[in-house]
């Protein structure tokens, strides 16, 4: 898979959540930054809230990421274990790379998209927007990419009436991929919105497989 280093990008990354609970990429799963790369990556994800403010619920789902030389897009969804019923959370997003610097070890991009969940008649949209900074760690056998994504978080909740609030958050993670395309990923996520004393803290872990597609510019 061709390694490329991005620059500054303009798009939006959105996610869905339940009010005052696990607000992240999908509900109760961290905001997964797209650290760059060309090919098609299939991700299986598990997420969970770690503190009382996060709701301590579980998420099991997946994402498909298509990485092109100038843009990466993703779509995903999964099941959230809400008592007494489970709900489906889904969303998508994109990142556009406008600067390439193959001699530099750092890539910078801004991500964006949309996510949604309807739990007990409460419809929630989250719109986090922020830069993703990733590092290509030199390694002859393994592709190692730590990344971090601070963000502005916009949340809109509808339940007969609608309310929109703006907060802040950050996620950080590590992607490790072997030469045959198999790998793993892990991330932590923190945010605050509305009540400043409510700070959901989430963890996510998963496995992925990257398919090299020569027509996309993979080397």
Foldseek 3Di string as FASTA:
>chain_A
DDDWAFEEWDAWAKEWEDPQAQGDNYYQAHPDDDRADAFKKKKWKKKAWDDVSNVRKIWTKIKIWHGFPFKIKMWMKTWIPDPPDIWIKIWMKMWGGDDIDRVDFKHKTKMRIWMWTQDPQKIKMKIWIWMKIWGFDDDPWKTKIKIKTKTKMWMWIDRPHIDIKIWIKMKIKMWIAGPQFKTKMKMKIWIDIDPNVRIIIMIMIIIMGGDDDVVSPGD
